[in-house]
Amino acid sequence: MTEEQKSLQWLSSILDILRKECPWDSVQTIDSLRYLTIEEVYELSEAITKANYDEMRKELGDLFMHLMFYSKIADDEGHFALNDVIDSICSKLISRHPHIALPDRDGVMQPARQQETPKWEQVKMKEGRRSALEGVPSSLPSLIKAIRLQEKAAGLGFEFPNREMAIAKVDEEYGEFIDALGKYHSEGDTARHYAEEELGDLLFAIVKWARFENINADDALARTNRKFAERFKYVESEAHKQGRNIQELSLEEMQKYWNEAKTTTTH
């Protein structure tokens, strides 16, 4: 038995016991775990953006436990077992990589079924999807959803031919947003939806431009959010050192400490 197999067996054994003897674990359901799993994914995401590998290891462990937990609950209810989950993803990987020799369930290498590399989204469509966008969950955060929608459409050829056109689209949408703001300012709330729609178009265009530059807009914004929080906390800290709260600082003082934070906080 390999070290990986030992670790899997160890976790499996622990969960089996907890499912029987722990008051909390024994009453969990697939539904009750759902929101906790979402939290674990976000905690993993935060560890990744911080490049904190110690935290990443811990959060991956939490998430891995959840995956096995779901499988055990489903097995108890007669739906599927952990091996079915793993077999399913293995079969999917083989189906989507017909150009690569991969092993079967018994470890026997199977030859590649074709030579050329297939287009990912085209392979998915052959699996029975009616739309390439079916695989994008409606509940995804809007920024990530924009990225995934664009990636899937591009996988079927719906894409600007070059970055210059992507940049031009940003310029176009920016102009339309400015026009919409003018209408909003002159007409009030009746034109607010128009400004919001144009802002959405501008953000969507920026996401597309970023993709041409191999920049993930969600990763970029996550790092900016963290940077802003760190710098703002520095401003708060400097105020507290003076026995004041941040509301008592003038804007000039805030800006002074903000500029200091740029040289003392992480980037």
C-alpha atoms as a PDB file:
ATOM      1  CA  MET A   1       0.000   0.000   0.000  1.00  0.00           C
ATOM      2  CA  THR A   2       1.394   3.411  -0.995  1.00  0.00           C
ATOM      3  CA  GLU A   3       1.587   6.383   1.368  1.00  0.00           C
ATOM      4  CA  GLU A   4      -1.332   8.000  -0.472  1.00  0.00           C
ATOM      5  CA  GLN A   5      -3.424   4.858  -0.056  1.00  0.00           C
ATOM      6  CA  LYS A   6      -2.544   4.695   3.656  1.00  0.00           C
ATOM      7  CA  SER A   7      -3.597   8.313   4.125  1.00  0.00           C
ATOM      8  CA  LEU A   8      -6.869   7.771   2.259  1.00  0.00           C
ATOM      9  CA  GLN A   9      -7.621   4.693   4.337  1.00  0.00           C
ATOM     10  CA  TRP A  10      -6.786   6.568   7.538  1.00  0.00           C
ATOM     11  CA  LEU A  11      -9.177   9.422   6.717  1.00  0.00           C
ATOM     12  CA  SER A  12     -11.852   6.966   5.627  1.00  0.00           C
ATOM     13  CA  SER A  13     -11.573   5.035   8.885  1.00  0.00           C
ATOM     14  CA  ILE A  14     -11.752   8.196  10.991  1.00  0.00           C
ATOM     15  CA  LEU A  15     -14.863   9.417   9.155  1.00  0.00           C
ATOM     16  CA  ASP A  16     -16.553   6.016   9.540  1.00  0.00           C
ATOM     17  CA  ILE A  17     -16.094   6.201  13.306  1.00  0.00           C
ATOM     18  CA  LEU A  18     -17.158   9.837  13.540  1.00  0.00           C
ATOM     19  CA  ARG A  19     -20.273   9.104  11.490  1.00  0.00           C
ATOM     20  CA  LYS A  20     -21.301   6.622  14.181  1.00  0.00           C
ATOM     21  CA  GLU A  21     -20.055   8.202  17.398  1.00  0.00           C
ATOM     22  CA  CYS A  22     -19.779  11.990  16.989  1.00  0.00           C
ATOM     23  CA  PRO A  23     -23.054  13.850  17.769  1.00  0.00           C
ATOM     24  CA  TRP A  24     -22.305  16.471  15.094  1.00  0.00           C
ATOM     25  CA  ASP A  25     -20.925  14.254  12.312  1.00  0.00           C
ATOM     26  CA  SER A  26     -23.605  11.614  12.719  1.00  0.00           C
ATOM     27  CA  VAL A  27     -26.450  14.007  11.873  1.00  0.00           C
ATOM     28  CA  GLN A  28     -24.872  15.782   8.909  1.00  0.00           C
ATOM     29  CA  THR A  29     -26.521  15.541   5.504  1.00  0.00           C
ATOM     30  CA  ILE A  30     -25.459  16.529   2.027  1.00  0.00           C
ATOM     31  CA  ASP A  31     -27.624  19.654   2.372  1.00  0.00           C
ATOM     32  CA  SER A  32     -26.244  20.628   5.779  1.00  0.00           C
ATOM     33  CA  LEU A  33     -22.653  20.420   4.531  1.00  0.00           C
ATOM     34  CA  ARG A  34     -23.189  22.511   1.392  1.00  0.00           C
ATOM     35  CA  TYR A  35     -22.664  25.996   2.853  1.00  0.00           C
ATOM     36  CA  LEU A  36     -19.723  24.768   4.921  1.00  0.00           C
ATOM     37  CA  THR A  37     -18.053  23.455   1.783  1.00  0.00           C
ATOM     38  CA  ILE A  38     -18.518  26.841   0.114  1.00  0.00           C
ATOM     39  CA  GLU A  39     -16.743  28.423   3.091  1.00  0.00           C
ATOM     40  CA  GLU A  40     -13.882  25.925   2.786  1.00  0.00           C
ATOM     41  CA  VAL A  41     -13.451  26.739  -0.911  1.00  0.00           C
ATOM     42  CA  TYR A  42     -13.196  30.440  -0.136  1.00  0.00           C
ATOM     43  CA  GLU A  43     -10.675  29.773   2.626  1.00  0.00           C
ATOM     44  CA  LEU A  44      -8.606  27.750   0.165  1.00  0.00           C
ATOM     45  CA  SER A  45      -8.912  30.555  -2.377  1.00  0.00           C
ATOM     46  CA  GLU A  46      -7.606  33.056   0.173  1.00  0.00           C
ATOM     47  CA  ALA A  47      -4.635  30.825   1.015  1.00  0.00           C
ATOM     48  CA  ILE A  48      -3.834  30.517  -2.689  1.00  0.00           C
ATOM     49  CA  THR A  49      -3.930  34.276  -3.323  1.00  0.00           C
ATOM     50  CA  LYS A  50      -1.621  34.768  -0.327  1.00  0.00           C
ATOM     51  CA  ALA A  51       0.715  32.017  -1.604  1.00  0.00           C
ATOM     52  CA  ASN A  52       0.533  30.584   1.937  1.00  0.00           C
ATOM     53  CA  TYR A  53       1.368  26.932   1.345  1.00  0.00           C
ATOM     54  CA  ASP A  54       0.983  25.922   4.978  1.00  0.00           C
ATOM     55  CA  GLU A  55      -2.580  27.250   5.023  1.00  0.00           C
ATOM     56  CA  MET A  56      -3.164  25.817   1.553  1.00  0.00           C
ATOM     57  CA  ARG A  57      -2.229  22.338   2.801  1.00  0.00           C
ATOM     58  CA  LYS A  58      -4.647  22.668   5.733  1.00  0.00           C
ATOM     59  CA  GLU A  59      -7.513  24.011   3.625  1.00  0.00           C
ATOM     60  CA  LEU A  60      -7.031  21.311   0.994  1.00  0.00           C
ATOM     61  CA  GLY A  61      -7.290  18.796   3.818  1.00  0.00           C
ATOM     62  CA  ASP A  62     -10.552  20.351   5.002  1.00  0.00           C
ATOM     63  CA  LEU A  63     -11.933  20.302   1.478  1.00  0.00           C
ATOM     64  CA  PHE A  64     -10.757  16.739   0.885  1.00  0.00           C
ATOM     65  CA  MET A  65     -12.515  15.668   4.062  1.00  0.00           C
ATOM     66  CA  HIS A  66     -15.726  17.260   2.793  1.00  0.00           C
ATOM     67  CA  LEU A  67     -15.487  15.379  -0.513  1.00  0.00           C
ATOM     68  CA  MET A  68     -15.097  12.080   1.278  1.00  0.00           C
ATOM     69  CA  PHE A  69     -17.842  13.005   3.748  1.00  0.00           C
ATOM     70  CA  TYR A  70     -20.327  13.640   0.912  1.00  0.00           C
ATOM     71  CA  SER A  71     -19.407  10.309  -0.650  1.00  0.00           C
ATOM     72  CA  LYS A  72     -19.942   8.409   2.591  1.00  0.00           C
ATOM     73  CA  ILE A  73     -23.332  10.027   3.183  1.00  0.00           C
ATOM     74  CA  ALA A  74     -24.362   9.228  -0.399  1.00  0.00           C
ATOM     75  CA  ASP A  75     -23.103   5.645   0.060  1.00  0.00           C
ATOM     76  CA  ASP A  76     -25.152   5.260   3.252  1.00  0.00           C
ATOM     77  CA  GLU A  77     -28.217   6.442   1.337  1.00  0.00           C
ATOM     78  CA  GLY A  78     -27.542   4.055  -1.547  1.00  0.00           C
ATOM     79  CA  HIS A  79     -26.711   6.673  -4.184  1.00  0.00           C
ATOM     80  CA  PHE A  80     -22.991   6.182  -4.904  1.00  0.00           C
ATOM     81  CA  ALA A  81     -19.696   5.425  -3.165  1.00  0.00           C
ATOM     82  CA  LEU A  82     -16.311   7.161  -3.112  1.00  0.00           C
ATOM     83  CA  ASN A  83     -14.909   4.804  -5.742  1.00  0.00           C
ATOM     84  CA  ASP A  84     -17.806   5.768  -8.032  1.00  0.00           C
ATOM     85  CA  VAL A  85     -16.852   9.433  -7.635  1.00  0.00           C
ATOM     86  CA  ILE A  86     -13.218   8.750  -8.472  1.00  0.00           C
ATOM     87  CA  ASP A  87     -14.086   6.385 -11.324  1.00  0.00           C
ATOM     88  CA  SER A  88     -16.373   9.053 -12.774  1.00  0.00           C
ATOM     89  CA  ILE A  89     -13.669  11.707 -12.952  1.00  0.00           C
ATOM     90  CA  CYS A  90     -11.144   9.197 -14.298  1.00  0.00           C
ATOM     91  CA  SER A  91     -13.525   8.251 -17.103  1.00  0.00           C
ATOM     92  CA  LYS A  92     -14.166  11.908 -17.864  1.00  0.00           C
ATOM     93  CA  LEU A  93     -10.443  12.682 -18.043  1.00  0.00           C
ATOM     94  CA  ILE A  94      -9.888   9.776 -20.431  1.00  0.00           C
ATOM     95  CA  SER A  95     -12.832  10.851 -22.595  1.00  0.00           C
ATOM     96  CA  ARG A  96     -11.562  14.426 -22.813  1.00  0.00           C
ATOM     97  CA  HIS A  97      -7.964  13.473 -23.576  1.00  0.00           C
ATOM     98  CA  PRO A  98      -8.285  11.008 -26.480  1.00  0.00           C
ATOM     99  CA  HIS A  99      -4.895  12.203 -27.771  1.00  0.00           C
ATOM    100  CA  ILE A 100      -3.006  10.943 -24.690  1.00  0.00           C
ATOM    101  CA  ALA A 101      -2.299   7.349 -23.640  1.00  0.00           C
ATOM    102  CA  LEU A 102      -3.817   6.806 -20.183  1.00  0.00           C
ATOM    103  CA  PRO A 103      -4.251   3.795 -17.874  1.00  0.00           C
ATOM    104  CA  ASP A 104      -7.493   1.915 -17.358  1.00  0.00           C
ATOM    105  CA  ARG A 105      -8.834   1.074 -13.893  1.00  0.00           C
ATOM    106  CA  ASP A 106      -6.430  -1.856 -13.576  1.00  0.00           C
ATOM    107  CA  GLY A 107      -3.432   0.324 -14.393  1.00  0.00           C
ATOM    108  CA  VAL A 108      -2.965  -1.004 -17.922  1.00  0.00           C
ATOM    109  CA  MET A 109      -1.941   1.759 -20.319  1.00  0.00           C
ATOM    110  CA  GLN A 110      -4.358   2.241 -23.195  1.00  0.00           C
ATOM    111  CA  PRO A 111      -3.172   3.784 -26.476  1.00  0.00           C
ATOM    112  CA  ALA A 112      -4.338   7.222 -27.583  1.00  0.00           C
ATOM    113  CA  ARG A 113      -7.468   7.102 -29.742  1.00  0.00           C
ATOM    114  CA  GLN A 114      -6.480  10.053 -31.935  1.00  0.00           C
ATOM    115  CA  GLN A 115      -3.386  12.089 -32.675  1.00  0.00           C
ATOM    116  CA  GLU A 116      -4.509  15.717 -32.703  1.00  0.00           C
ATOM    117  CA  THR A 117      -5.417  17.627 -29.546  1.00  0.00           C
ATOM    118  CA  PRO A 118      -9.199  18.130 -29.406  1.00  0.00           C
ATOM    119  CA  LYS A 119     -10.859  21.429 -28.486  1.00  0.00           C
ATOM    120  CA  TRP A 120     -12.003  21.139 -24.870  1.00  0.00           C
ATOM    121  CA  GLU A 121     -15.469  22.663 -25.292  1.00  0.00           C
ATOM    122  CA  GLN A 122     -16.130  20.665 -28.451  1.00  0.00           C
ATOM    123  CA  VAL A 123     -15.421  17.463 -26.535  1.00  0.00           C
ATOM    124  CA  LYS A 124     -17.882  18.521 -23.830  1.00  0.00           C
ATOM    125  CA  MET A 125     -20.565  19.200 -26.438  1.00  0.00           C
ATOM    126  CA  LYS A 126     -20.139  15.655 -27.726  1.00  0.00           C
ATOM    127  CA  GLU A 127     -20.949  14.445 -24.210  1.00  0.00           C
ATOM    128  CA  GLY A 128     -24.530  15.616 -24.658  1.00  0.00           C
ATOM    129  CA  ARG A 129     -24.576  19.244 -23.574  1.00  0.00           C
ATOM    130  CA  ARG A 130     -27.046  21.441 -25.431  1.00  0.00           C
ATOM    131  CA  SER A 131     -25.014  24.579 -24.733  1.00  0.00           C
ATOM    132  CA  ALA A 132     -21.366  25.182 -23.964  1.00  0.00           C
ATOM    133  CA  LEU A 133     -22.533  27.439 -21.134  1.00  0.00           C
ATOM    134  CA  GLU A 134     -24.397  24.700 -19.261  1.00  0.00           C
ATOM    135  CA  GLY A 135     -21.362  23.973 -17.136  1.00  0.00           C
ATOM    136  CA  VAL A 136     -21.272  27.496 -15.646  1.00  0.00           C
ATOM    137  CA  PRO A 137     -23.218  27.506 -12.343  1.00  0.00           C
ATOM    138  CA  SER A 138     -25.707  30.357 -12.038  1.00  0.00           C
ATOM    139  CA  SER A 139     -24.594  30.892  -8.427  1.00  0.00           C
ATOM    140  CA  LEU A 140     -20.961  31.667  -9.269  1.00  0.00           C
ATOM    141  CA  PRO A 141     -19.700  35.094  -8.153  1.00  0.00           C
ATOM    142  CA  SER A 142     -20.264  37.482 -11.056  1.00  0.00           C
ATOM    143  CA  LEU A 143     -16.597  38.122 -11.847  1.00  0.00           C
ATOM    144  CA  ILE A 144     -15.678  34.437 -11.956  1.00  0.00           C
ATOM    145  CA  LYS A 145     -18.831  33.736 -13.945  1.00  0.00           C
ATOM    146  CA  ALA A 146     -17.818  36.340 -16.555  1.00  0.00           C
ATOM    147  CA  ILE A 147     -14.419  34.669 -16.923  1.00  0.00           C
ATOM    148  CA  ARG A 148     -15.902  31.192 -17.305  1.00  0.00           C
ATOM    149  CA  LEU A 149     -18.574  32.331 -19.792  1.00  0.00           C
ATOM    150  CA  GLN A 150     -15.898  33.945 -21.939  1.00  0.00           C
ATOM    151  CA  GLU A 151     -13.584  30.936 -21.727  1.00  0.00           C
ATOM    152  CA  LYS A 152     -16.308  28.537 -22.770  1.00  0.00           C
ATOM    153  CA  ALA A 153     -17.473  30.702 -25.669  1.00  0.00           C
ATOM    154  CA  ALA A 154     -13.864  31.147 -26.797  1.00  0.00           C
ATOM    155  CA  GLY A 155     -13.419  27.381 -26.712  1.00  0.00           C
ATOM    156  CA  LEU A 156     -15.936  27.186 -29.561  1.00  0.00           C
ATOM    157  CA  GLY A 157     -14.338  30.005 -31.548  1.00  0.00           C
ATOM    158  CA  PHE A 158     -16.444  32.942 -30.315  1.00  0.00           C
ATOM    159  CA  GLU A 159     -13.527  35.256 -29.545  1.00  0.00           C
ATOM    160  CA  PHE A 160     -11.819  38.421 -30.759  1.00  0.00           C
ATOM    161  CA  PRO A 161      -9.019  37.508 -33.178  1.00  0.00           C
ATOM    162  CA  ASN A 162      -6.496  39.732 -31.384  1.00  0.00           C
ATOM    163  CA  ARG A 163      -5.921  41.847 -28.271  1.00  0.00           C
ATOM    164  CA  GLU A 164      -6.222  45.079 -30.235  1.00  0.00           C
ATOM    165  CA  MET A 165      -9.911  44.366 -30.821  1.00  0.00           C
ATOM    166  CA  ALA A 166     -10.315  43.524 -27.136  1.00  0.00           C
ATOM    167  CA  ILE A 167      -8.757  46.863 -26.179  1.00  0.00           C
ATOM    168  CA  ALA A 168     -10.952  48.686 -28.698  1.00  0.00           C
ATOM    169  CA  LYS A 169     -14.004  47.059 -27.098  1.00  0.00           C
ATOM    170  CA  VAL A 170     -12.959  48.413 -23.692  1.00  0.00           C
ATOM    171  CA  ASP A 171     -12.641  51.910 -25.193  1.00  0.00           C
ATOM    172  CA  GLU A 172     -16.065  51.562 -26.822  1.00  0.00           C
ATOM    173  CA  GLU A 173     -17.752  50.366 -23.634  1.00  0.00           C
ATOM    174  CA  TYR A 174     -16.050  53.078 -21.581  1.00  0.00           C
ATOM    175  CA  GLY A 175     -17.480  55.729 -23.886  1.00  0.00           C
ATOM    176  CA  GLU A 176     -20.955  54.201 -23.637  1.00  0.00           C
ATOM    177  CA  PHE A 177     -20.691  54.090 -19.842  1.00  0.00           C
ATOM    178  CA  ILE A 178     -19.738  57.793 -19.696  1.00  0.00           C
ATOM    179  CA  ASP A 179     -22.727  58.622 -21.906  1.00  0.00           C
ATOM    180  CA  ALA A 180     -24.975  56.523 -19.669  1.00  0.00           C
ATOM    181  CA  LEU A 181     -23.677  58.329 -16.583  1.00  0.00           C
ATOM    182  CA  GLY A 182     -24.561  61.654 -18.192  1.00  0.00           C
ATOM    183  CA  LYS A 183     -28.100  60.421 -18.770  1.00  0.00           C
ATOM    184  CA  TYR A 184     -28.277  59.087 -15.222  1.00  0.00           C
ATOM    185  CA  HIS A 185     -27.137  62.411 -13.757  1.00  0.00           C
ATOM    186  CA  SER A 186     -29.652  64.367 -15.828  1.00  0.00           C
ATOM    187  CA  GLU A 187     -32.647  62.039 -15.553  1.00  0.00           C
ATOM    188  CA  GLY A 188     -32.082  60.512 -12.128  1.00  0.00           C
ATOM    189  CA  ASP A 189     -33.044  57.003 -11.017  1.00  0.00           C
ATOM    190  CA  THR A 190     -35.141  56.351 -14.116  1.00  0.00           C
ATOM    191  CA  ALA A 191     -31.856  55.985 -16.054  1.00  0.00           C
ATOM    192  CA  ARG A 192     -29.926  54.179 -13.337  1.00  0.00           C
ATOM    193  CA  HIS A 193     -30.496  50.730 -14.861  1.00  0.00           C
ATOM    194  CA  TYR A 194     -28.997  52.005 -18.124  1.00  0.00           C
ATOM    195  CA  ALA A 195     -25.815  53.160 -16.357  1.00  0.00           C
ATOM    196  CA  GLU A 196     -25.586  49.851 -14.486  1.00  0.00           C
ATOM    197  CA  GLU A 197     -25.962  47.907 -17.729  1.00  0.00           C
ATOM    198  CA  GLU A 198     -23.210  49.907 -19.414  1.00  0.00           C
ATOM    199  CA  LEU A 199     -20.927  49.506 -16.391  1.00  0.00           C
ATOM    200  CA  GLY A 200     -21.515  45.759 -16.611  1.00  0.00           C
ATOM    201  CA  ASP A 201     -20.577  45.810 -20.289  1.00  0.00           C
ATOM    202  CA  LEU A 202     -17.401  47.743 -19.461  1.00  0.00           C
ATOM    203  CA  LEU A 203     -16.403  45.303 -16.721  1.00  0.00           C
ATOM    204  CA  PHE A 204     -17.093  42.368 -19.027  1.00  0.00           C
ATOM    205  CA  ALA A 205     -14.902  43.932 -21.720  1.00  0.00           C
ATOM    206  CA  ILE A 206     -12.078  44.504 -19.218  1.00  0.00           C
ATOM    207  CA  VAL A 207     -12.271  40.846 -18.176  1.00  0.00           C
ATOM    208  CA  LYS A 208     -11.954  39.844 -21.828  1.00  0.00           C
ATOM    209  CA  TRP A 209      -8.971  42.151 -22.367  1.00  0.00           C
ATOM    210  CA  ALA A 210      -7.318  40.701 -19.266  1.00  0.00           C
ATOM    211  CA  ARG A 211      -7.752  37.201 -20.682  1.00  0.00           C
ATOM    212  CA  PHE A 212      -5.819  38.245 -23.796  1.00  0.00           C
ATOM    213  CA  GLU A 213      -3.006  39.324 -21.483  1.00  0.00           C
ATOM    214  CA  ASN A 214      -3.172  35.987 -19.608  1.00  0.00           C
ATOM    215  CA  ILE A 215      -4.340  37.795 -16.481  1.00  0.00           C
ATOM    216  CA  ASN A 216      -7.142  36.317 -14.384  1.00  0.00           C
ATOM    217  CA  ALA A 217      -9.320  39.268 -13.418  1.00  0.00           C
ATOM    218  CA  ASP A 218     -10.640  37.550 -10.300  1.00  0.00           C
ATOM    219  CA  ASP A 219      -7.124  36.798  -9.028  1.00  0.00           C
ATOM    220  CA  ALA A 220      -6.117  40.384  -9.760  1.00  0.00           C
ATOM    221  CA  LEU A 221      -9.101  41.859  -7.899  1.00  0.00           C
ATOM    222  CA  ALA A 222      -8.641  39.471  -4.965  1.00  0.00           C
ATOM    223  CA  ARG A 223      -5.064  40.663  -4.527  1.00  0.00           C
ATOM    224  CA  THR A 224      -6.139  44.298  -4.803  1.00  0.00           C
ATOM    225  CA  ASN A 225      -8.861  43.742  -2.194  1.00  0.00           C
ATOM    226  CA  ARG A 226      -6.297  42.228   0.175  1.00  0.00           C
ATOM    227  CA  LYS A 227      -3.845  45.065  -0.496  1.00  0.00           C
ATOM    228  CA  PHE A 228      -6.526  47.686   0.158  1.00  0.00           C
ATOM    229  CA  ALA A 229      -7.553  45.989   3.412  1.00  0.00           C
ATOM    230  CA  GLU A 230      -3.949  45.791   4.633  1.00  0.00           C
ATOM    231  CA  ARG A 231      -3.316  49.464   3.883  1.00  0.00           C
ATOM    232  CA  PHE A 232      -6.591  50.617   5.413  1.00  0.00           C
ATOM    233  CA  LYS A 233      -5.857  48.634   8.578  1.00  0.00           C
ATOM    234  CA  TYR A 234      -2.483  50.413   8.718  1.00  0.00           C
ATOM    235  CA  VAL A 235      -4.282  53.778   8.645  1.00  0.00           C
ATOM    236  CA  GLU A 236      -6.570  52.593  11.452  1.00  0.00           C
ATOM    237  CA  SER A 237      -3.564  51.383  13.429  1.00  0.00           C
ATOM    238  CA  GLU A 238      -1.784  54.736  13.131  1.00  0.00           C
ATOM    239  CA  ALA A 239      -4.909  56.504  14.362  1.00  0.00           C
ATOM    240  CA  HIS A 240      -5.150  54.157  17.354  1.00  0.00           C
ATOM    241  CA  LYS A 241      -1.514  54.864  18.235  1.00  0.00           C
ATOM    242  CA  GLN A 242      -2.560  58.487  18.730  1.00  0.00           C
ATOM    243  CA  GLY A 243      -5.532  57.511  20.866  1.00  0.00           C
ATOM    244  CA  ARG A 244      -7.917  58.448  18.070  1.00  0.00           C
ATOM    245  CA  ASN A 245     -10.268  56.534  15.831  1.00  0.00           C
ATOM    246  CA  ILE A 246     -10.078  56.796  12.072  1.00  0.00           C
ATOM    247  CA  GLN A 247     -13.147  59.034  11.826  1.00  0.00           C
ATOM    248  CA  GLU A 248     -11.223  61.703  13.722  1.00  0.00           C
ATOM    249  CA  LEU A 249      -8.458  61.862  11.102  1.00  0.00           C
ATOM    250  CA  SER A 250      -8.597  64.486   8.409  1.00  0.00           C
ATOM    251  CA  LEU A 251      -8.515  63.336   4.809  1.00  0.00           C
ATOM    252  CA  GLU A 252      -4.971  64.705   4.546  1.00  0.00           C
ATOM    253  CA  GLU A 253      -3.889  62.611   7.551  1.00  0.00           C
ATOM    254  CA  MET A 254      -5.540  59.521   6.092  1.00  0.00           C
ATOM    255  CA  GLN A 255      -3.741  60.038   2.797  1.00  0.00           C
ATOM    256  CA  LYS A 256      -0.426  60.534   4.629  1.00  0.00           C
ATOM    257  CA  TYR A 257      -0.763  57.215   6.455  1.00  0.00           C
ATOM    258  CA  TRP A 258      -2.075  55.560   3.282  1.00  0.00           C
ATOM    259  CA  ASN A 259       1.096  56.558   1.444  1.00  0.00           C
ATOM    260  CA  GLU A 260       3.154  55.247   4.356  1.00  0.00           C
ATOM    261  CA  ALA A 261       1.257  51.972   4.128  1.00  0.00           C
ATOM    262  CA  LYS A 262       2.362  51.582   0.520  1.00  0.00           C
ATOM    263  CA  THR A 263       5.947  51.169   1.725  1.00  0.00           C
ATOM    264  CA  THR A 264       5.226  49.023   4.778  1.00  0.00           C
ATOM    265  CA  THR A 265       2.486  46.591   3.759  1.00  0.00           C
ATOM    266  CA  THR A 266       2.799  43.655   1.365  1.00  0.00           C
ATOM    267  CA  HIS A 267       2.023  43.970  -2.347  1.00  0.00           C
END
